[in-house]
PDB file of N, CA and C in Angstrom:
ATOM      1  N   UNK A   1       0.822  -1.188   0.000  1.00  0.00           N
ATOM      2  CA  UNK A   1       0.000   0.000   0.000  1.00  0.00           C
ATOM      3  C   UNK A   1       0.873   1.262   0.000  1.00  0.00           C
ATOM      4  N   UNK A   2       1.933   1.243   0.812  1.00  0.00           N
ATOM      5  CA  UNK A   2       2.806   2.404   0.902  1.00  0.00           C
ATOM      6  C   UNK A   2       3.417   2.729  -0.457  1.00  0.00           C
ATOM      7  N   UNK A   3       3.792   1.700  -1.194  1.00  0.00           N
ATOM      8  CA  UNK A   3       4.412   1.926  -2.489  1.00  0.00           C
ATOM      9  C   UNK A   3       3.421   2.472  -3.503  1.00  0.00           C
ATOM     10  N   UNK A   4       2.170   2.043  -3.396  1.00  0.00           N
ATOM     11  CA  UNK A   4       1.143   2.570  -4.295  1.00  0.00           C
ATOM     12  C   UNK A   4       0.924   4.057  -4.053  1.00  0.00           C
ATOM     13  N   UNK A   5       0.844   4.432  -2.773  1.00  0.00           N
ATOM     14  CA  UNK A   5       0.641   5.841  -2.437  1.00  0.00           C
ATOM     15  C   UNK A   5       1.830   6.670  -2.889  1.00  0.00           C
ATOM     16  N   UNK A   6       3.035   6.157  -2.658  1.00  0.00           N
ATOM     17  CA  UNK A   6       4.237   6.871  -3.097  1.00  0.00           C
ATOM     18  C   UNK A   6       4.255   7.023  -4.610  1.00  0.00           C
ATOM     19  N   UNK A   7       3.890   5.969  -5.311  1.00  0.00           N
ATOM     20  CA  UNK A   7       3.858   6.022  -6.768  1.00  0.00           C
ATOM     21  C   UNK A   7       2.843   7.046  -7.249  1.00  0.00           C
ATOM     22  N   UNK A   8       1.640   7.018  -6.669  1.00  0.00           N
ATOM     23  CA  UNK A   8       0.605   7.975  -7.077  1.00  0.00           C
ATOM     24  C   UNK A   8       1.012   9.405  -6.763  1.00  0.00           C
ATOM     25  N   UNK A   9       1.668   9.615  -5.630  1.00  0.00           N
ATOM     26  CA  UNK A   9       2.148  10.957  -5.303  1.00  0.00           C
ATOM     27  C   UNK A   9       3.194  11.407  -6.324  1.00  0.00           C
ATOM     28  N   UNK A  10       4.061  10.500  -6.733  1.00  0.00           N
ATOM     29  CA  UNK A  10       5.062  10.823  -7.753  1.00  0.00           C
ATOM     30  C   UNK A  10       4.440  11.150  -9.091  1.00  0.00           C
ATOM     31  N   UNK A  11       3.424  10.388  -9.454  1.00  0.00           N
ATOM     32  CA  UNK A  11       2.722  10.662 -10.715  1.00  0.00           C
ATOM     33  C   UNK A  11       2.048  12.027 -10.662  1.00  0.00           C
ATOM     34  N   UNK A  12       1.395  12.309  -9.536  1.00  0.00           N
ATOM     35  CA  UNK A  12       0.720  13.610  -9.393  1.00  0.00           C
ATOM     36  C   UNK A  12       1.727  14.754  -9.436  1.00  0.00           C
ATOM     37  N   UNK A  13       2.846  14.593  -8.745  1.00  0.00           N
ATOM     38  CA  UNK A  13       3.870  15.635  -8.751  1.00  0.00           C
ATOM     39  C   UNK A  13       4.446  15.816 -10.150  1.00  0.00           C
ATOM     40  N   UNK A  14       4.707  14.719 -10.833  1.00  0.00           N
ATOM     41  CA  UNK A  14       5.214  14.811 -12.205  1.00  0.00           C
ATOM     42  C   UNK A  14       4.235  15.503 -13.131  1.00  0.00           C
ATOM     43  N   UNK A  15       2.965  15.218 -12.949  1.00  0.00           N
ATOM     44  CA  UNK A  15       1.956  15.859 -13.782  1.00  0.00           C
ATOM     45  C   UNK A  15       1.913  17.360 -13.508  1.00  0.00           C
ATOM     46  N   UNK A  16       1.929  17.717 -12.230  1.00  0.00           N
ATOM     47  CA  UNK A  16       1.860  19.138 -11.873  1.00  0.00           C
ATOM     48  C   UNK A  16       3.063  19.883 -12.418  1.00  0.00           C
ATOM     49  N   UNK A  17       4.246  19.297 -12.251  1.00  0.00           N
ATOM     50  CA  UNK A  17       5.452  19.983 -12.703  1.00  0.00           C
ATOM     51  C   UNK A  17       5.603  19.995 -14.226  1.00  0.00           C
ATOM     52  N   UNK A  18       5.065  18.989 -14.894  1.00  0.00           N
ATOM     53  CA  UNK A  18       5.253  18.908 -16.334  1.00  0.00           C
ATOM     54  C   UNK A  18       4.026  19.207 -17.155  1.00  0.00           C
ATOM     55  N   UNK A  19       2.980  19.654 -16.529  1.00  0.00           N
ATOM     56  CA  UNK A  19       1.736  19.844 -17.254  1.00  0.00           C
ATOM     57  C   UNK A  19       1.800  21.031 -18.211  1.00  0.00           C
ATOM     58  N   UNK A  20       1.098  20.868 -19.288  1.00  0.00           N
ATOM     59  CA  UNK A  20       0.971  21.956 -20.242  1.00  0.00           C
ATOM     60  C   UNK A  20      -0.365  22.663 -20.054  1.00  0.00           C
ATOM     61  N   UNK A  21      -1.157  22.175 -19.091  1.00  0.00           N
ATOM     62  CA  UNK A  21      -2.480  22.749 -18.867  1.00  0.00           C
ATOM     63  C   UNK A  21      -2.415  24.123 -18.220  1.00  0.00           C
ATOM     64  N   UNK A  22      -1.326  24.413 -17.553  1.00  0.00           N
ATOM     65  CA  UNK A  22      -1.145  25.749 -17.011  1.00  0.00           C
ATOM     66  C   UNK A  22      -1.635  25.919 -15.589  1.00  0.00           C
ATOM     67  N   UNK A  23      -1.667  27.173 -15.185  1.00  0.00           N
ATOM     68  CA  UNK A  23      -1.962  27.546 -13.807  1.00  0.00           C
ATOM     69  C   UNK A  23      -3.389  27.187 -13.395  1.00  0.00           C
ATOM     70  N   UNK A  24      -4.322  27.298 -14.305  1.00  0.00           N
ATOM     71  CA  UNK A  24      -5.719  27.015 -13.976  1.00  0.00           C
ATOM     72  C   UNK A  24      -5.899  25.566 -13.522  1.00  0.00           C
ATOM     73  N   UNK A  25      -5.308  24.639 -14.259  1.00  0.00           N
ATOM     74  CA  UNK A  25      -5.409  23.219 -13.886  1.00  0.00           C
ATOM     75  C   UNK A  25      -4.684  22.959 -12.565  1.00  0.00           C
ATOM     76  N   UNK A  26      -3.551  23.605 -12.365  1.00  0.00           N
ATOM     77  CA  UNK A  26      -2.812  23.463 -11.111  1.00  0.00           C
ATOM     78  C   UNK A  26      -3.663  23.917  -9.929  1.00  0.00           C
ATOM     79  N   UNK A  27      -4.319  25.055 -10.047  1.00  0.00           N
ATOM     80  CA  UNK A  27      -5.172  25.562  -8.965  1.00  0.00           C
ATOM     81  C   UNK A  27      -6.358  24.631  -8.718  1.00  0.00           C
ATOM     82  N   UNK A  28      -6.901  24.062  -9.778  1.00  0.00           N
ATOM     83  CA  UNK A  28      -8.016  23.122  -9.644  1.00  0.00           C
ATOM     84  C   UNK A  28      -7.567  21.875  -8.880  1.00  0.00           C
ATOM     85  N   UNK A  29      -6.403  21.348  -9.215  1.00  0.00           N
ATOM     86  CA  UNK A  29      -5.880  20.173  -8.520  1.00  0.00           C
ATOM     87  C   UNK A  29      -5.563  20.489  -7.066  1.00  0.00           C
ATOM     88  N   UNK A  30      -5.024  21.649  -6.819  1.00  0.00           N
ATOM     89  CA  UNK A  30      -4.698  22.064  -5.459  1.00  0.00           C
ATOM     90  C   UNK A  30      -5.963  22.168  -4.604  1.00  0.00           C
ATOM     91  N   UNK A  31      -7.013  22.716  -5.176  1.00  0.00           N
ATOM     92  CA  UNK A  31      -8.281  22.846  -4.465  1.00  0.00           C
ATOM     93  C   UNK A  31      -8.874  21.471  -4.166  1.00  0.00           C
ATOM     94  N   UNK A  32      -8.795  20.562  -5.127  1.00  0.00           N
ATOM     95  CA  UNK A  32      -9.298  19.200  -4.927  1.00  0.00           C
ATOM     96  C   UNK A  32      -8.519  18.481  -3.828  1.00  0.00           C
ATOM     97  N   UNK A  33      -7.210  18.623  -3.835  1.00  0.00           N
ATOM     98  CA  UNK A  33      -6.375  17.979  -2.816  1.00  0.00           C
ATOM     99  C   UNK A  33      -6.679  18.542  -1.433  1.00  0.00           C
ATOM    100  N   UNK A  34      -6.871  19.837  -1.359  1.00  0.00           N
ATOM    101  CA  UNK A  34      -7.183  20.461  -0.069  1.00  0.00           C
ATOM    102  C   UNK A  34      -8.535  19.986   0.452  1.00  0.00           C
ATOM    103  N   UNK A  35      -9.529  19.911  -0.420  1.00  0.00           N
ATOM    104  CA  UNK A  35     -10.849  19.455   0.028  1.00  0.00           C
ATOM    105  C   UNK A  35     -10.811  17.986   0.426  1.00  0.00           C
ATOM    106  N   UNK A  36     -10.001  17.180  -0.258  1.00  0.00           N
ATOM    107  CA  UNK A  36      -9.854  15.779   0.123  1.00  0.00           C
ATOM    108  C   UNK A  36      -9.200  15.664   1.499  1.00  0.00           C
ATOM    109  N   UNK A  37      -8.173  16.449   1.737  1.00  0.00           N
ATOM    110  CA  UNK A  37      -7.476  16.400   3.023  1.00  0.00           C
ATOM    111  C   UNK A  37      -8.358  16.876   4.169  1.00  0.00           C
ATOM    112  N   UNK A  38      -9.311  17.740   3.894  1.00  0.00           N
ATOM    113  CA  UNK A  38     -10.186  18.261   4.935  1.00  0.00           C
ATOM    114  C   UNK A  38     -11.459  17.441   5.105  1.00  0.00           C
ATOM    115  N   UNK A  39     -11.622  16.411   4.302  1.00  0.00           N
ATOM    116  CA  UNK A  39     -12.785  15.546   4.392  1.00  0.00           C
ATOM    117  C   UNK A  39     -12.740  14.772   5.714  1.00  0.00           C
ATOM    118  N   UNK A  40     -13.820  14.808   6.505  1.00  0.00           N
ATOM    119  CA  UNK A  40     -13.813  14.112   7.797  1.00  0.00           C
ATOM    120  C   UNK A  40     -13.551  12.610   7.686  1.00  0.00           C
ATOM    121  N   UNK A  41     -14.037  11.971   6.640  1.00  0.00           N
ATOM    122  CA  UNK A  41     -13.796  10.534   6.476  1.00  0.00           C
ATOM    123  C   UNK A  41     -12.312  10.251   6.262  1.00  0.00           C
ATOM    124  N   UNK A  42     -11.654  11.087   5.472  1.00  0.00           N
ATOM    125  CA  UNK A  42     -10.229  10.919   5.221  1.00  0.00           C
ATOM    126  C   UNK A  42      -9.449  11.182   6.500  1.00  0.00           C
ATOM    127  N   UNK A  43      -9.821  12.221   7.223  1.00  0.00           N
ATOM    128  CA  UNK A  43      -9.130  12.539   8.482  1.00  0.00           C
ATOM    129  C   UNK A  43      -9.280  11.402   9.488  1.00  0.00           C
ATOM    130  N   UNK A  44     -10.478  10.814   9.566  1.00  0.00           N
ATOM    131  CA  UNK A  44     -10.687   9.698  10.480  1.00  0.00           C
ATOM    132  C   UNK A  44      -9.849   8.487  10.068  1.00  0.00           C
ATOM    133  N   UNK A  45      -9.764   8.231   8.769  1.00  0.00           N
ATOM    134  CA  UNK A  45      -8.955   7.109   8.289  1.00  0.00           C
ATOM    135  C   UNK A  45      -7.481   7.327   8.623  1.00  0.00           C
ATOM    136  N   UNK A  46      -7.009   8.541   8.459  1.00  0.00           N
ATOM    137  CA  UNK A  46      -5.613   8.860   8.782  1.00  0.00           C
ATOM    138  C   UNK A  46      -5.375   8.693  10.276  1.00  0.00           C
ATOM    139  N   UNK A  47      -6.307   9.160  11.082  1.00  0.00           N
ATOM    140  CA  UNK A  47      -6.171   9.034  12.531  1.00  0.00           C
ATOM    141  C   UNK A  47      -6.147   7.565  12.943  1.00  0.00           C
ATOM    142  N   UNK A  48      -7.048   6.765  12.392  1.00  0.00           N
ATOM    143  CA  UNK A  48      -7.103   5.345  12.710  1.00  0.00           C
ATOM    144  C   UNK A  48      -5.813   4.646  12.301  1.00  0.00           C
ATOM    145  N   UNK A  49      -5.299   4.968  11.128  1.00  0.00           N
ATOM    146  CA  UNK A  49      -4.043   4.367  10.673  1.00  0.00           C
ATOM    147  C   UNK A  49      -2.891   4.758  11.591  1.00  0.00           C
ATOM    148  N   UNK A  50      -2.863   6.005  12.031  1.00  0.00           N
ATOM    149  CA  UNK A  50      -1.818   6.442  12.949  1.00  0.00           C
ATOM    150  C   UNK A  50      -1.884   5.725  14.278  1.00  0.00           C
ATOM    151  N   UNK A  51      -3.088   5.570  14.810  1.00  0.00           N
ATOM    152  CA  UNK A  51      -3.246   4.866  16.075  1.00  0.00           C
ATOM    153  C   UNK A  51      -2.852   3.401  15.935  1.00  0.00           C
ATOM    154  N   UNK A  52      -3.227   2.782  14.834  1.00  0.00           N
ATOM    155  CA  UNK A  52      -2.851   1.389  14.599  1.00  0.00           C
ATOM    156  C   UNK A  52      -1.335   1.247  14.487  1.00  0.00           C
ATOM    157  N   UNK A  53      -0.715   2.189  13.822  1.00  0.00           N
ATOM    158  CA  UNK A  53       0.742   2.166  13.691  1.00  0.00           C
ATOM    159  C   UNK A  53       1.445   2.322  15.025  1.00  0.00           C
ATOM    160  N   UNK A  54       0.950   3.239  15.854  1.00  0.00           N
ATOM    161  CA  UNK A  54       1.544   3.412  17.179  1.00  0.00           C
ATOM    162  C   UNK A  54       1.357   2.164  18.035  1.00  0.00           C
ATOM    163  N   UNK A  55       0.184   1.557  17.929  1.00  0.00           N
ATOM    164  CA  UNK A  55      -0.082   0.340  18.695  1.00  0.00           C
ATOM    165  C   UNK A  55       0.840  -0.798  18.236  1.00  0.00           C
ATOM    166  N   UNK A  56       0.992  -0.945  16.936  1.00  0.00           N
ATOM    167  CA  UNK A  56       1.868  -1.995  16.402  1.00  0.00           C
ATOM    168  C   UNK A  56       3.317  -1.738  16.791  1.00  0.00           C
ATOM    169  N   UNK A  57       3.735  -0.480  16.778  1.00  0.00           N
ATOM    170  CA  UNK A  57       5.105  -0.150  17.175  1.00  0.00           C
ATOM    171  C   UNK A  57       5.340  -0.494  18.640  1.00  0.00           C
ATOM    172  N   UNK A  58       4.352  -0.231  19.467  1.00  0.00           N
ATOM    173  CA  UNK A  58       4.480  -0.574  20.881  1.00  0.00           C
ATOM    174  C   UNK A  58       4.585  -2.071  21.098  1.00  0.00           C
ATOM    175  N   UNK A  59       3.762  -2.833  20.382  1.00  0.00           N
ATOM    176  CA  UNK A  59       3.822  -4.295  20.489  1.00  0.00           C
ATOM    177  C   UNK A  59       5.166  -4.819  19.987  1.00  0.00           C
ATOM    178  N   UNK A  60       5.625  -4.270  18.871  1.00  0.00           N
ATOM    179  CA  UNK A  60       6.912  -4.703  18.322  1.00  0.00           C
ATOM    180  C   UNK A  60       8.045  -4.356  19.273  1.00  0.00           C
ATOM    181  N   UNK A  61       7.981  -3.179  19.876  1.00  0.00           N
ATOM    182  CA  UNK A  61       9.013  -2.776  20.829  1.00  0.00           C
ATOM    183  C   UNK A  61       9.060  -3.736  22.007  1.00  0.00           C
ATOM    184  N   UNK A  62       7.888  -4.116  22.509  1.00  0.00           N
ATOM    185  CA  UNK A  62       7.828  -5.045  23.634  1.00  0.00           C
ATOM    186  C   UNK A  62       8.390  -6.409  23.237  1.00  0.00           C
ATOM    187  N   UNK A  63       7.987  -6.897  22.065  1.00  0.00           N
ATOM    188  CA  UNK A  63       8.456  -8.209  21.617  1.00  0.00           C
ATOM    189  C   UNK A  63       9.962  -8.215  21.398  1.00  0.00           C
ATOM    190  N   UNK A  64      10.463  -7.184  20.749  1.00  0.00           N
ATOM    191  CA  UNK A  64      11.906  -7.111  20.487  1.00  0.00           C
ATOM    192  C   UNK A  64      12.656  -6.870  21.792  1.00  0.00           C
ATOM    193  N   UNK A  65      12.099  -6.025  22.642  1.00  0.00           N
ATOM    194  CA  UNK A  65      12.743  -5.745  23.924  1.00  0.00           C
ATOM    195  C   UNK A  65      12.874  -6.981  24.781  1.00  0.00           C
ATOM    196  N   UNK A  66      11.862  -7.847  24.758  1.00  0.00           N
ATOM    197  CA  UNK A  66      11.926  -9.086  25.524  1.00  0.00           C
ATOM    198  C   UNK A  66      13.009 -10.011  24.989  1.00  0.00           C
ATOM    199  N   UNK A  67      13.189 -10.030  23.694  1.00  0.00           N
ATOM    200  CA  UNK A  67      14.189 -10.929  23.092  1.00  0.00           C
ATOM    201  C   UNK A  67      15.591 -10.349  23.113  1.00  0.00           C
ATOM    202  N   UNK A  68      15.696  -9.057  22.889  1.00  0.00           N
ATOM    203  CA  UNK A  68      17.009  -8.433  22.776  1.00  0.00           C
ATOM    204  C   UNK A  68      17.492  -7.912  24.119  1.00  0.00           C
ATOM    205  N   UNK A  69      16.571  -7.479  24.958  1.00  0.00           N
ATOM    206  CA  UNK A  69      16.940  -6.981  26.279  1.00  0.00           C
ATOM    207  C   UNK A  69      17.567  -5.605  26.208  1.00  0.00           C
ATOM    208  N   UNK A  70      18.670  -5.432  26.866  1.00  0.00           N
ATOM    209  CA  UNK A  70      19.328  -4.123  26.956  1.00  0.00           C
ATOM    210  C   UNK A  70      20.150  -3.780  25.721  1.00  0.00           C
ATOM    211  N   UNK A  71      20.181  -4.643  24.740  1.00  0.00           N
ATOM    212  CA  UNK A  71      20.968  -4.392  23.532  1.00  0.00           C
ATOM    213  C   UNK A  71      20.236  -3.512  22.519  1.00  0.00           C
ATOM    214  N   UNK A  72      19.002  -3.136  22.807  1.00  0.00           N
ATOM    215  CA  UNK A  72      18.222  -2.287  21.909  1.00  0.00           C
ATOM    216  C   UNK A  72      18.785  -0.865  21.951  1.00  0.00           C
ATOM    217  N   UNK A  73      19.042  -0.254  20.811  1.00  0.00           N
ATOM    218  CA  UNK A  73      19.594   1.106  20.809  1.00  0.00           C
ATOM    219  C   UNK A  73      18.684   2.081  21.554  1.00  0.00           C
ATOM    220  N   UNK A  74      19.294   3.003  22.262  1.00  0.00           N
ATOM    221  CA  UNK A  74      18.523   3.949  23.067  1.00  0.00           C
ATOM    222  C   UNK A  74      17.672   4.868  22.205  1.00  0.00           C
ATOM    223  N   UNK A  75      18.117   5.143  20.980  1.00  0.00           N
ATOM    224  CA  UNK A  75      17.326   6.009  20.102  1.00  0.00           C
ATOM    225  C   UNK A  75      15.974   5.375  19.790  1.00  0.00           C
ATOM    226  N   UNK A  76      15.956   4.084  19.552  1.00  0.00           N
ATOM    227  CA  UNK A  76      14.702   3.396  19.241  1.00  0.00           C
ATOM    228  C   UNK A  76      13.822   3.313  20.474  1.00  0.00           C
ATOM    229  N   UNK A  77      14.403   2.892  21.592  1.00  0.00           N
ATOM    230  CA  UNK A  77      13.600   2.751  22.805  1.00  0.00           C
ATOM    231  C   UNK A  77      13.065   4.105  23.269  1.00  0.00           C
ATOM    232  N   UNK A  78      13.855   5.158  23.120  1.00  0.00           N
ATOM    233  CA  UNK A  78      13.391   6.495  23.505  1.00  0.00           C
ATOM    234  C   UNK A  78      12.253   6.982  22.631  1.00  0.00           C
ATOM    235  N   UNK A  79      12.329   6.732  21.345  1.00  0.00           N
ATOM    236  CA  UNK A  79      11.275   7.172  20.423  1.00  0.00           C
ATOM    237  C   UNK A  79       9.960   6.449  20.707  1.00  0.00           C
ATOM    238  N   UNK A  80      10.014   5.150  20.893  1.00  0.00           N
ATOM    239  CA  UNK A  80       8.796   4.399  21.174  1.00  0.00           C
ATOM    240  C   UNK A  80       8.225   4.806  22.526  1.00  0.00           C
ATOM    241  N   UNK A  81       9.077   4.998  23.491  1.00  0.00           N
ATOM    242  CA  UNK A  81       8.618   5.411  24.811  1.00  0.00           C
ATOM    243  C   UNK A  81       7.922   6.776  24.737  1.00  0.00           C
ATOM    244  N   UNK A  82       8.481   7.698  23.959  1.00  0.00           N
ATOM    245  CA  UNK A  82       7.861   9.022  23.838  1.00  0.00           C
ATOM    246  C   UNK A  82       6.513   8.936  23.129  1.00  0.00           C
ATOM    247  N   UNK A  83       6.385   8.044  22.158  1.00  0.00           N
ATOM    248  CA  UNK A  83       5.097   7.868  21.485  1.00  0.00           C
ATOM    249  C   UNK A  83       4.052   7.301  22.439  1.00  0.00           C
ATOM    250  N   UNK A  84       4.471   6.394  23.298  1.00  0.00           N
ATOM    251  CA  UNK A  84       3.542   5.838  24.280  1.00  0.00           C
ATOM    252  C   UNK A  84       3.074   6.898  25.263  1.00  0.00           C
ATOM    253  N   UNK A  85       3.985   7.768  25.695  1.00  0.00           N
ATOM    254  CA  UNK A  85       3.667   8.768  26.708  1.00  0.00           C
ATOM    255  C   UNK A  85       2.770   9.873  26.169  1.00  0.00           C
ATOM    256  N   UNK A  86       2.838  10.135  24.886  1.00  0.00           N
ATOM    257  CA  UNK A  86       2.047  11.225  24.311  1.00  0.00           C
ATOM    258  C   UNK A  86       0.551  10.974  24.416  1.00  0.00           C
ATOM    259  N   UNK A  87       0.140   9.735  24.147  1.00  0.00           N
ATOM    260  CA  UNK A  87      -1.279   9.407  24.212  1.00  0.00           C
ATOM    261  C   UNK A  87      -2.048  10.065  23.094  1.00  0.00           C
ATOM    262  N   UNK A  88      -3.302  10.405  23.354  1.00  0.00           N
ATOM    263  CA  UNK A  88      -4.163  10.993  22.330  1.00  0.00           C
ATOM    264  C   UNK A  88      -4.242  12.498  22.485  1.00  0.00           C
ATOM    265  N   UNK A  89      -4.690  13.158  21.421  1.00  0.00           N
ATOM    266  CA  UNK A  89      -4.916  14.597  21.440  1.00  0.00           C
ATOM    267  C   UNK A  89      -3.645  15.412  21.376  1.00  0.00           C
ATOM    268  N   UNK A  90      -2.671  14.962  20.643  1.00  0.00           N
ATOM    269  CA  UNK A  90      -1.423  15.690  20.528  1.00  0.00           C
ATOM    270  C   UNK A  90      -1.153  15.994  19.069  1.00  0.00           C
ATOM    271  N   UNK A  91      -0.226  16.919  18.842  1.00  0.00           N
ATOM    272  CA  UNK A  91       0.229  17.216  17.494  1.00  0.00           C
ATOM    273  C   UNK A  91       1.487  16.412  17.240  1.00  0.00           C
ATOM    274  N   UNK A  92       1.511  15.651  16.164  1.00  0.00           N
ATOM    275  CA  UNK A  92       2.701  14.868  15.864  1.00  0.00           C
ATOM    276  C   UNK A  92       3.693  15.707  15.061  1.00  0.00           C
ATOM    277  N   UNK A  93       4.779  15.097  14.659  1.00  0.00           N
ATOM    278  CA  UNK A  93       5.839  15.799  13.947  1.00  0.00           C
ATOM    279  C   UNK A  93       5.425  16.289  12.572  1.00  0.00           C
ATOM    280  N   UNK A  94       4.298  15.801  12.061  1.00  0.00           N
ATOM    281  CA  UNK A  94       3.866  16.161  10.714  1.00  0.00           C
ATOM    282  C   UNK A  94       2.838  17.270  10.715  1.00  0.00           C
ATOM    283  N   UNK A  95       2.473  17.758  11.886  1.00  0.00           N
ATOM    284  CA  UNK A  95       1.507  18.857  11.944  1.00  0.00           C
ATOM    285  C   UNK A  95       0.076  18.403  11.918  1.00  0.00           C
ATOM    286  N   UNK A  96      -0.171  17.110  12.027  1.00  0.00           N
ATOM    287  CA  UNK A  96      -1.532  16.611  12.089  1.00  0.00           C
ATOM    288  C   UNK A  96      -1.858  16.298  13.534  1.00  0.00           C
ATOM    289  N   UNK A  97      -3.122  16.169  13.835  1.00  0.00           N
ATOM    290  CA  UNK A  97      -3.509  15.894  15.217  1.00  0.00           C
ATOM    291  C   UNK A  97      -4.411  14.687  15.282  1.00  0.00           C
ATOM    292  N   UNK A  98      -4.571  14.156  16.461  1.00  0.00           N
ATOM    293  CA  UNK A  98      -5.421  12.990  16.685  1.00  0.00           C
ATOM    294  C   UNK A  98      -6.718  13.405  17.328  1.00  0.00           C
ATOM    295  N   UNK A  99      -7.281  14.494  16.924  1.00  0.00           N
ATOM    296  CA  UNK A  99      -8.541  14.942  17.517  1.00  0.00           C
ATOM    297  C   UNK A  99      -9.672  14.717  16.567  1.00  0.00           C
TER     298      UNK A  99
END
């Protein structure tokens, strides 16, 4: 799924940068993208995916931590620990929120 989204983003960027349709088409695409991003269903899907990712990261950290013990790099353990402590209703590094 990640590769499909990356590919589609690349295609869209290539079209925008190489289009012969001009500024009008660019503004139309920009408006469509903005309205899609502000759609409550899309926002809920993004929030759910983020929560699922954080939950999976926590489970993976626990599983790896049990097997590896103290050999886990501090950068990884610190990042997962900070994600656990944040909980809900915070702004992440990407400027989106879980509200």
